[in-house]
Amino acid sequence: MYLLLVIAVWIFFAYKFIDWSQWKKQYSTILFFMMVNLLYNTLYYNHTLWAFRGITADWLNHSIINIAFTFFICPVGLIIYLQRFPKTRRNQLVYVGVWVGFYTIIEALFAHRGMFVYDNGWNSWHNIWLNLILFVILWIHYRKPVIAWILSIPLAVIFYLLFPFPLDSLK
């Protein structure tokens, strides 16, 4: 099952690249990410733009895979991202670009294998700008949480205007 392989890889990354004595500094930003991700999955539940698809077992659906990503895989990635963020502006731009590229390529590979699907006007190209905004907002949240919240509200409205879901699709 590929999900177990992905989790094993991120366990290795957690062991190799995280300073566990410092994890509490990243905790509120991890919670911020979880909230944003769970909000998307709630609001777009019946009108998904992207979704995980299990290909190895019938019971392995978007919800199960997303729980693993939301509560384990992404937090590990975010701790690594935040703990290793460079000090100089030039290095910061390259660093964010590398993370955006990494996540975009991983998502594209999963989509190519049928493990990540798009719908309702979303496609792989949209992942580039979404990942860029996400990684920048997460860095801002880590440094200045109130600013990130202030920026996130109009960004969420713009996102909804670009990719609306029918309000009657909400439960």
C-alpha atoms as a PDB file:
ATOM      1  CA  MET A   1       0.000   0.000   0.000  1.00  0.00           C
ATOM      2  CA  TYR A   2       1.584   3.252  -1.176  1.00  0.00           C
ATOM      3  CA  LEU A   3       0.231   5.299   1.755  1.00  0.00           C
ATOM      4  CA  LEU A   4       2.320   3.219   4.171  1.00  0.00           C
ATOM      5  CA  LEU A   5       5.372   3.762   1.968  1.00  0.00           C
ATOM      6  CA  VAL A   6       4.781   7.531   1.928  1.00  0.00           C
ATOM      7  CA  ILE A   7       4.375   7.539   5.721  1.00  0.00           C
ATOM      8  CA  ALA A   8       7.589   5.511   6.112  1.00  0.00           C
ATOM      9  CA  VAL A   9       9.476   8.015   3.946  1.00  0.00           C
ATOM     10  CA  TRP A  10       8.195  10.935   6.051  1.00  0.00           C
ATOM     11  CA  ILE A  11       9.110   9.080   9.271  1.00  0.00           C
ATOM     12  CA  PHE A  12      12.645   8.875   7.895  1.00  0.00           C
ATOM     13  CA  PHE A  13      12.552  12.616   7.024  1.00  0.00           C
ATOM     14  CA  ALA A  14      11.270  13.382  10.546  1.00  0.00           C
ATOM     15  CA  TYR A  15      14.115  11.400  12.080  1.00  0.00           C
ATOM     16  CA  LYS A  16      16.777  12.875   9.802  1.00  0.00           C
ATOM     17  CA  PHE A  17      15.789  16.539   9.464  1.00  0.00           C
ATOM     18  CA  ILE A  18      13.765  17.663  12.498  1.00  0.00           C
ATOM     19  CA  ASP A  19      15.167  19.122  15.694  1.00  0.00           C
ATOM     20  CA  TRP A  20      12.536  17.677  18.025  1.00  0.00           C
ATOM     21  CA  SER A  21      13.599  19.925  20.898  1.00  0.00           C
ATOM     22  CA  GLN A  22      12.231  22.872  18.853  1.00  0.00           C
ATOM     23  CA  TRP A  23       8.909  21.477  17.504  1.00  0.00           C
ATOM     24  CA  LYS A  24       6.740  23.608  19.796  1.00  0.00           C
ATOM     25  CA  LYS A  25       7.823  26.739  17.904  1.00  0.00           C
ATOM     26  CA  GLN A  26       6.132  25.400  14.767  1.00  0.00           C
ATOM     27  CA  TYR A  27       3.039  24.029  16.528  1.00  0.00           C
ATOM     28  CA  SER A  28       0.670  26.976  15.970  1.00  0.00           C
ATOM     29  CA  THR A  29       1.571  27.142  12.267  1.00  0.00           C
ATOM     30  CA  ILE A  30       0.892  23.424  11.914  1.00  0.00           C
ATOM     31  CA  LEU A  31      -2.525  23.957  13.514  1.00  0.00           C
ATOM     32  CA  PHE A  32      -3.141  26.875  11.136  1.00  0.00           C
ATOM     33  CA  PHE A  33      -2.372  24.612   8.156  1.00  0.00           C
ATOM     34  CA  MET A  34      -4.616  21.858   9.532  1.00  0.00           C
ATOM     35  CA  MET A  35      -7.464  24.326   9.971  1.00  0.00           C
ATOM     36  CA  VAL A  36      -7.114  25.647   6.403  1.00  0.00           C
ATOM     37  CA  ASN A  37      -6.937  22.119   4.968  1.00  0.00           C
ATOM     38  CA  LEU A  38      -9.910  20.878   6.977  1.00  0.00           C
ATOM     39  CA  LEU A  39     -11.887  23.995   6.022  1.00  0.00           C
ATOM     40  CA  TYR A  40     -11.264  23.293   2.313  1.00  0.00           C
ATOM     41  CA  ASN A  41     -12.269  19.645   2.775  1.00  0.00           C
ATOM     42  CA  THR A  42     -15.466  20.682   4.566  1.00  0.00           C
ATOM     43  CA  LEU A  43     -16.557  23.470   2.221  1.00  0.00           C
ATOM     44  CA  TYR A  44     -15.621  21.609  -0.964  1.00  0.00           C
ATOM     45  CA  TYR A  45     -16.712  18.171   0.246  1.00  0.00           C
ATOM     46  CA  ASN A  46     -19.408  17.795  -2.434  1.00  0.00           C
ATOM     47  CA  HIS A  47     -17.616  19.935  -5.037  1.00  0.00           C
ATOM     48  CA  THR A  48     -13.970  18.882  -4.847  1.00  0.00           C
ATOM     49  CA  LEU A  49     -11.255  20.553  -6.862  1.00  0.00           C
ATOM     50  CA  TRP A  50      -8.669  17.910  -6.014  1.00  0.00           C
ATOM     51  CA  ALA A  51      -8.861  14.652  -4.149  1.00  0.00           C
ATOM     52  CA  PHE A  52      -6.746  11.688  -3.206  1.00  0.00           C
ATOM     53  CA  ARG A  53      -7.689   8.357  -4.723  1.00  0.00           C
ATOM     54  CA  GLY A  54      -6.623   5.088  -3.201  1.00  0.00           C
ATOM     55  CA  ILE A  55      -5.540   2.634  -5.861  1.00  0.00           C
ATOM     56  CA  THR A  56      -4.461  -0.287  -3.695  1.00  0.00           C
ATOM     57  CA  ALA A  57      -7.559  -0.905  -1.544  1.00  0.00           C
ATOM     58  CA  ASP A  58     -11.260  -0.120  -1.944  1.00  0.00           C
ATOM     59  CA  TRP A  59     -11.546   1.354   1.547  1.00  0.00           C
ATOM     60  CA  LEU A  60      -8.613   3.718   0.944  1.00  0.00           C
ATOM     61  CA  ASN A  61     -10.490   6.877  -0.056  1.00  0.00           C
ATOM     62  CA  HIS A  62      -9.831  10.627  -0.022  1.00  0.00           C
ATOM     63  CA  SER A  63     -10.913  11.052   3.593  1.00  0.00           C
ATOM     64  CA  ILE A  64      -8.613   8.329   4.954  1.00  0.00           C
ATOM     65  CA  ILE A  65      -5.624   9.493   2.899  1.00  0.00           C
ATOM     66  CA  ASN A  66      -6.288  13.144   3.734  1.00  0.00           C
ATOM     67  CA  ILE A  67      -6.300  12.360   7.462  1.00  0.00           C
ATOM     68  CA  ALA A  68      -2.812  10.857   7.090  1.00  0.00           C
ATOM     69  CA  PHE A  69      -1.639  13.906   5.129  1.00  0.00           C
ATOM     70  CA  THR A  70      -3.279  16.449   7.440  1.00  0.00           C
ATOM     71  CA  PHE A  71      -2.204  14.976  10.757  1.00  0.00           C
ATOM     72  CA  PHE A  72       1.130  13.356   9.939  1.00  0.00           C
ATOM     73  CA  ILE A  73       2.768  13.902   6.551  1.00  0.00           C
ATOM     74  CA  CYS A  74       2.201  17.640   6.151  1.00  0.00           C
ATOM     75  CA  PRO A  75       3.077  18.511   9.766  1.00  0.00           C
ATOM     76  CA  VAL A  76       6.415  16.718   9.366  1.00  0.00           C
ATOM     77  CA  GLY A  77       7.034  18.590   6.120  1.00  0.00           C
ATOM     78  CA  LEU A  78       6.063  21.911   7.698  1.00  0.00           C
ATOM     79  CA  ILE A  79       8.364  21.445  10.675  1.00  0.00           C
ATOM     80  CA  ILE A  80      11.253  20.734   8.314  1.00  0.00           C
ATOM     81  CA  TYR A  81      10.287  23.705   6.110  1.00  0.00           C
ATOM     82  CA  LEU A  82      10.039  26.133   9.025  1.00  0.00           C
ATOM     83  CA  GLN A  83      13.042  24.910  11.027  1.00  0.00           C
ATOM     84  CA  ARG A  84      15.387  25.136   8.058  1.00  0.00           C
ATOM     85  CA  PHE A  85      14.150  28.411   6.597  1.00  0.00           C
ATOM     86  CA  PRO A  86      17.211  30.472   5.526  1.00  0.00           C
ATOM     87  CA  LYS A  87      18.068  33.903   6.898  1.00  0.00           C
ATOM     88  CA  THR A  88      18.973  35.787   3.705  1.00  0.00           C
ATOM     89  CA  ARG A  89      16.298  37.061   1.272  1.00  0.00           C
ATOM     90  CA  ARG A  90      17.912  35.514  -1.814  1.00  0.00           C
ATOM     91  CA  ASN A  91      18.199  32.127  -0.157  1.00  0.00           C
ATOM     92  CA  GLN A  92      14.613  32.440   1.108  1.00  0.00           C
ATOM     93  CA  LEU A  93      13.284  32.897  -2.435  1.00  0.00           C
ATOM     94  CA  VAL A  94      15.205  29.862  -3.669  1.00  0.00           C
ATOM     95  CA  TYR A  95      14.136  27.847  -0.613  1.00  0.00           C
ATOM     96  CA  VAL A  96      10.437  28.605  -1.106  1.00  0.00           C
ATOM     97  CA  GLY A  97      10.827  27.814  -4.816  1.00  0.00           C
ATOM     98  CA  VAL A  98      12.356  24.435  -4.007  1.00  0.00           C
ATOM     99  CA  TRP A  99       9.495  23.542  -1.654  1.00  0.00           C
ATOM    100  CA  VAL A 100       6.856  24.733  -4.129  1.00  0.00           C
ATOM    101  CA  GLY A 101       8.571  22.713  -6.859  1.00  0.00           C
ATOM    102  CA  PHE A 102       8.881  19.628  -4.639  1.00  0.00           C
ATOM    103  CA  TYR A 103       5.204  19.606  -3.613  1.00  0.00           C
ATOM    104  CA  THR A 104       4.031  20.442  -7.147  1.00  0.00           C
ATOM    105  CA  ILE A 105       6.098  17.632  -8.671  1.00  0.00           C
ATOM    106  CA  ILE A 106       4.934  15.124  -6.048  1.00  0.00           C
ATOM    107  CA  GLU A 107       1.297  16.081  -6.707  1.00  0.00           C
ATOM    108  CA  ALA A 108       1.838  15.825 -10.482  1.00  0.00           C
ATOM    109  CA  LEU A 109       3.417  12.369 -10.087  1.00  0.00           C
ATOM    110  CA  PHE A 110       0.509  11.233  -7.910  1.00  0.00           C
ATOM    111  CA  ALA A 111      -1.939  12.629 -10.505  1.00  0.00           C
ATOM    112  CA  HIS A 112      -0.099  10.831 -13.295  1.00  0.00           C
ATOM    113  CA  ARG A 113      -0.437   7.554 -11.366  1.00  0.00           C
ATOM    114  CA  GLY A 114      -4.159   8.180 -10.724  1.00  0.00           C
ATOM    115  CA  MET A 115      -3.664   8.731  -6.981  1.00  0.00           C
ATOM    116  CA  PHE A 116      -4.557  12.438  -7.121  1.00  0.00           C
ATOM    117  CA  VAL A 117      -7.500  13.604  -9.242  1.00  0.00           C
ATOM    118  CA  TYR A 118      -8.760  17.015 -10.333  1.00  0.00           C
ATOM    119  CA  ASP A 119     -12.278  18.230 -10.953  1.00  0.00           C
ATOM    120  CA  ASN A 120     -14.408  21.353 -11.329  1.00  0.00           C
ATOM    121  CA  GLY A 121     -11.854  23.381 -13.258  1.00  0.00           C
ATOM    122  CA  TRP A 122      -8.759  22.529 -11.209  1.00  0.00           C
ATOM    123  CA  ASN A 123      -5.590  21.162 -12.832  1.00  0.00           C
ATOM    124  CA  SER A 124      -1.905  20.563 -12.069  1.00  0.00           C
ATOM    125  CA  TRP A 125      -0.939  24.095 -13.130  1.00  0.00           C
ATOM    126  CA  HIS A 126      -3.114  25.568 -10.383  1.00  0.00           C
ATOM    127  CA  ASN A 127      -1.046  23.660  -7.815  1.00  0.00           C
ATOM    128  CA  ILE A 128       1.952  25.873  -8.577  1.00  0.00           C
ATOM    129  CA  TRP A 129       0.339  29.142  -7.507  1.00  0.00           C
ATOM    130  CA  LEU A 130      -1.591  27.493  -4.674  1.00  0.00           C
ATOM    131  CA  ASN A 131       1.603  25.938  -3.267  1.00  0.00           C
ATOM    132  CA  LEU A 132       3.423  29.265  -3.629  1.00  0.00           C
ATOM    133  CA  ILE A 133       0.709  31.112  -1.711  1.00  0.00           C
ATOM    134  CA  LEU A 134       0.512  28.330   0.870  1.00  0.00           C
ATOM    135  CA  PHE A 135       4.239  28.241   1.622  1.00  0.00           C
ATOM    136  CA  VAL A 136       4.492  32.035   1.795  1.00  0.00           C
ATOM    137  CA  ILE A 137       1.446  32.344   4.083  1.00  0.00           C
ATOM    138  CA  LEU A 138       2.765  29.558   6.319  1.00  0.00           C
ATOM    139  CA  TRP A 139       6.084  31.374   6.669  1.00  0.00           C
ATOM    140  CA  ILE A 140       4.267  34.621   7.436  1.00  0.00           C
ATOM    141  CA  HIS A 141       2.123  32.805   9.999  1.00  0.00           C
ATOM    142  CA  TYR A 142       5.229  31.391  11.654  1.00  0.00           C
ATOM    143  CA  ARG A 143       6.702  34.888  11.995  1.00  0.00           C
ATOM    144  CA  LYS A 144       3.560  37.046  12.393  1.00  0.00           C
ATOM    145  CA  PRO A 145       0.359  35.003  12.843  1.00  0.00           C
ATOM    146  CA  VAL A 146      -2.028  37.978  12.863  1.00  0.00           C
ATOM    147  CA  ILE A 147      -0.720  39.191   9.484  1.00  0.00           C
ATOM    148  CA  ALA A 148      -1.219  35.708   8.038  1.00  0.00           C
ATOM    149  CA  TRP A 149      -4.813  35.634   9.268  1.00  0.00           C
ATOM    150  CA  ILE A 150      -5.472  39.100   7.824  1.00  0.00           C
ATOM    151  CA  LEU A 151      -4.036  38.037   4.450  1.00  0.00           C
ATOM    152  CA  SER A 152      -5.800  34.663   4.468  1.00  0.00           C
ATOM    153  CA  ILE A 153      -9.328  36.050   4.637  1.00  0.00           C
ATOM    154  CA  PRO A 154      -9.223  37.970   1.313  1.00  0.00           C
ATOM    155  CA  LEU A 155      -7.218  35.117  -0.242  1.00  0.00           C
ATOM    156  CA  ALA A 156      -9.983  32.685   0.756  1.00  0.00           C
ATOM    157  CA  VAL A 157     -12.616  34.983  -0.759  1.00  0.00           C
ATOM    158  CA  ILE A 158     -10.616  35.272  -4.002  1.00  0.00           C
ATOM    159  CA  PHE A 159     -10.185  31.489  -4.054  1.00  0.00           C
ATOM    160  CA  TYR A 160     -13.947  31.042  -3.672  1.00  0.00           C
ATOM    161  CA  LEU A 161     -14.637  33.591  -6.427  1.00  0.00           C
ATOM    162  CA  LEU A 162     -12.256  31.766  -8.783  1.00  0.00           C
ATOM    163  CA  PHE A 163     -13.514  28.291  -7.828  1.00  0.00           C
ATOM    164  CA  PRO A 164     -17.003  28.656  -6.378  1.00  0.00           C
ATOM    165  CA  PHE A 165     -18.955  25.768  -4.980  1.00  0.00           C
ATOM    166  CA  PRO A 166     -22.756  25.735  -4.923  1.00  0.00           C
ATOM    167  CA  LEU A 167     -23.893  26.879  -1.497  1.00  0.00           C
ATOM    168  CA  ASP A 168     -26.611  24.212  -1.531  1.00  0.00           C
ATOM    169  CA  SER A 169     -23.810  21.603  -1.672  1.00  0.00           C
ATOM    170  CA  LEU A 170     -23.033  22.343   1.978  1.00  0.00           C
ATOM    171  CA  LYS A 171     -24.504  19.998   4.539  1.00  0.00           C
END
